[in-house]
Amino acid sequence: MRRSMARRDLQRRSDPDASTLSGALFQVLDALEDDRDRGLSITEIASALGVDQPRASRLVAIAVDRGLVWRRDDPTDARRKHIDLTVEGREHLAAIHDARRAAIAAAIANFSSVDAEAFARLLTAFIENWHS
């Protein structure tokens, strides 16, 4: 839910120049952020995005060209590469997350403290149940 909600509206809010980072490219960075300890293979990125391997490979190539991710050899299999975020990629994601937090804060700015607490509790319960 967090990912689908963020793809269009929040992406536009956080990146007014939408050409800087398309929704699909943002999804690549978002998937890598979720597994920042070891990086992901193209196959894993394709699975996380729900796309085929050629599409994932093209998106990763674009991200590499833009300096947002880098490829490194898999230490256990020389035929495979792991994709990791660069410092610039992490900074871009941090800016997007900051913009998301600001958008949410603005959306609930007029909530009373009781309503804000109820909203947080209900949204948390909803998200926990969403995946069960």
Protein backbone atom coordinates (compact mmCIF):
# COMPACT_ATOMS: atom_id res chain seq x y z
CA MET A 1 0.00 0.00 0.00
CA ARG A 2 2.82 2.40 0.89
CA ARG A 3 4.49 1.78 -2.43
CA SER A 4 1.38 2.10 -4.59
CA MET A 5 0.25 5.27 -2.81
CA ALA A 6 3.64 6.85 -3.32
CA ARG A 7 4.15 6.09 -6.95
CA ARG A 8 2.28 8.93 -8.56
CA ASP A 9 1.03 11.67 -6.27
CA LEU A 10 3.78 11.68 -3.68
CA GLN A 11 6.38 11.26 -6.40
CA ARG A 12 5.13 14.41 -8.11
CA ARG A 13 5.13 16.30 -4.82
CA SER A 14 8.69 15.29 -3.97
CA ASP A 15 10.12 15.65 -7.47
CA PRO A 16 8.43 18.50 -9.37
CA ASP A 17 10.65 17.73 -12.36
CA ALA A 18 9.19 14.25 -12.93
CA SER A 19 11.80 13.56 -15.59
CA THR A 20 14.44 13.37 -12.85
CA LEU A 21 13.15 10.08 -11.50
CA SER A 22 10.29 8.18 -13.07
CA GLY A 23 7.94 6.17 -10.92
CA ALA A 24 9.47 2.94 -12.18
CA LEU A 25 12.98 4.12 -11.41
CA PHE A 26 11.87 5.20 -7.95
CA GLN A 27 10.52 1.67 -7.41
CA VAL A 28 13.99 0.27 -8.17
CA LEU A 29 15.55 2.52 -5.54
CA ASP A 30 12.77 1.75 -3.08
CA ALA A 31 13.28 -2.01 -3.52
CA LEU A 32 17.02 -1.61 -2.97
CA GLU A 33 16.45 0.46 0.14
CA ASP A 34 14.37 -2.35 1.62
CA ASP A 35 17.37 -4.71 1.31
CA ARG A 36 20.31 -2.39 1.78
CA ASP A 37 22.58 -4.93 3.49
CA ARG A 38 23.40 -7.16 0.56
CA GLY A 39 22.00 -5.54 -2.58
CA LEU A 40 19.67 -7.27 -5.00
CA SER A 41 20.11 -9.19 -8.22
CA ILE A 42 18.25 -8.19 -11.38
CA THR A 43 15.96 -11.19 -10.82
CA GLU A 44 15.14 -10.02 -7.30
CA ILE A 45 14.50 -6.47 -8.50
CA ALA A 46 12.22 -7.79 -11.26
CA SER A 47 10.28 -9.79 -8.69
CA ALA A 48 10.00 -6.84 -6.28
CA LEU A 49 8.68 -4.61 -9.08
CA GLY A 50 6.46 -7.22 -10.70
CA VAL A 51 8.16 -6.83 -14.08
CA ASP A 52 10.14 -9.14 -16.34
CA GLN A 53 13.95 -9.37 -16.16
CA PRO A 54 14.61 -7.37 -19.36
CA ARG A 55 12.53 -4.45 -18.01
CA ALA A 56 14.29 -4.61 -14.64
CA SER A 57 17.65 -4.73 -16.41
CA ARG A 58 16.80 -1.62 -18.47
CA LEU A 59 15.68 0.25 -15.35
CA VAL A 60 18.85 -0.69 -13.51
CA ALA A 61 20.95 0.44 -16.50
CA ILE A 62 19.21 3.84 -16.40
CA ALA A 63 19.79 4.08 -12.65
CA VAL A 64 23.48 3.20 -13.12
CA ASP A 65 23.81 5.85 -15.84
CA ARG A 66 22.29 8.43 -13.49
CA GLY A 67 24.64 7.47 -10.67
CA LEU A 68 21.86 6.25 -8.40
CA VAL A 69 22.97 2.61 -8.17
CA TRP A 70 26.07 0.57 -8.89
CA ARG A 71 26.77 -3.04 -9.82
CA ARG A 72 29.14 -5.29 -7.93
CA ASP A 73 30.13 -8.91 -8.29
CA ASP A 74 28.28 -11.50 -6.24
CA PRO A 75 30.94 -12.94 -3.89
CA THR A 76 29.48 -16.45 -4.22
CA ASP A 77 28.70 -16.52 -7.96
CA ALA A 78 30.87 -14.64 -10.47
CA ARG A 79 28.10 -14.81 -13.10
CA ARG A 80 25.78 -12.69 -10.96
CA LYS A 81 25.85 -9.01 -10.07
CA HIS A 82 24.36 -7.33 -7.05
CA ILE A 83 22.84 -3.89 -7.40
CA ASP A 84 23.34 -1.41 -4.57
CA LEU A 85 22.36 2.20 -3.94
CA THR A 86 25.02 4.86 -4.33
CA VAL A 87 25.33 7.78 -1.93
CA GLU A 88 23.44 9.89 -4.49
CA GLY A 89 20.69 7.26 -4.69
CA ARG A 90 20.35 7.23 -0.89
CA GLU A 91 20.25 11.04 -0.82
CA HIS A 92 17.55 11.08 -3.50
CA LEU A 93 15.45 8.60 -1.52
CA ALA A 94 15.96 10.61 1.69
CA ALA A 95 14.68 13.75 -0.06
CA ILE A 96 11.64 11.85 -1.31
CA HIS A 97 10.95 10.44 2.16
CA ASP A 98 11.23 13.94 3.66
CA ALA A 99 8.72 15.22 1.10
CA ARG A 100 6.37 12.33 1.93
CA ARG A 101 6.54 13.11 5.63
CA ALA A 102 5.84 16.79 4.93
CA ALA A 103 2.85 15.88 2.71
CA ILE A 104 1.41 13.62 5.41
CA ALA A 105 2.01 16.23 8.11
CA ALA A 106 0.20 18.81 5.98
CA ALA A 107 -2.68 16.41 5.35
CA ILE A 108 -3.26 15.81 9.07
CA ALA A 109 -2.31 19.28 10.31
CA ASN A 110 -5.90 20.10 11.20
CA PHE A 111 -6.56 16.84 13.04
CA SER A 112 -7.05 17.10 16.77
CA SER A 113 -4.56 15.10 18.82
CA VAL A 114 -7.29 12.54 19.54
CA ASP A 115 -8.10 12.21 15.83
CA ALA A 116 -4.41 11.98 14.90
CA GLU A 117 -3.87 9.19 17.44
CA ALA A 118 -6.98 7.34 16.24
CA PHE A 119 -5.91 7.74 12.62
CA ALA A 120 -2.43 6.38 13.36
CA ARG A 121 -3.86 3.43 15.30
CA LEU A 122 -6.45 2.56 12.63
CA LEU A 123 -4.02 3.00 9.73
CA THR A 124 -1.49 0.76 11.46
CA ALA A 125 -4.15 -1.91 12.04
CA PHE A 126 -5.30 -1.60 8.44
CA ILE A 127 -1.79 -2.06 7.05
CA GLU A 128 -1.08 -5.02 9.36
CA ASN A 129 -4.31 -6.68 8.19
CA TRP A 130 -3.68 -5.79 4.55
CA HIS A 131 -0.94 -8.41 4.30
CA SER A 132 -2.66 -11.19 6.24
